Amino acid sequence: MNPYQVMGIIAGCTVVFAGVVTLLTMQGVHILLAFLGVYLLAVWCMLGMQRRARESFEFREDLRLRPYEREPQVHRRRAREFPPVKPAVSASINS
């Protein structure tokens, strides 16, 4: 992301935060309680988004690994199981 976009998002979130705290204060909620409540709500939302992102990433990892887990061991071959390679016969012009 562009640094200006990041700063714009931070400024937008700050304005929304201040607006909600101001609205709660105008409704009669003590300013410290309003500040703490909005702050804790924002932290709770961010932790929830991180949890969902982690679960989504783990789900994608499972989808990527699943074909290997479903493939039976019978059809897998290790490098030692392949037939030995015969050395190539080198033809020399002088012989």
Foldseek 3Di string as FASTA:
>chain_A
DDPVVVVVVVVVVVVVLVVQLVVVVVVPDDSVVSNVVSVVVVVVVVVVVVVVVVVVVVVVVCVVCVVVVPDDPVPDDDPVPDDDDDDDDDDDPVD
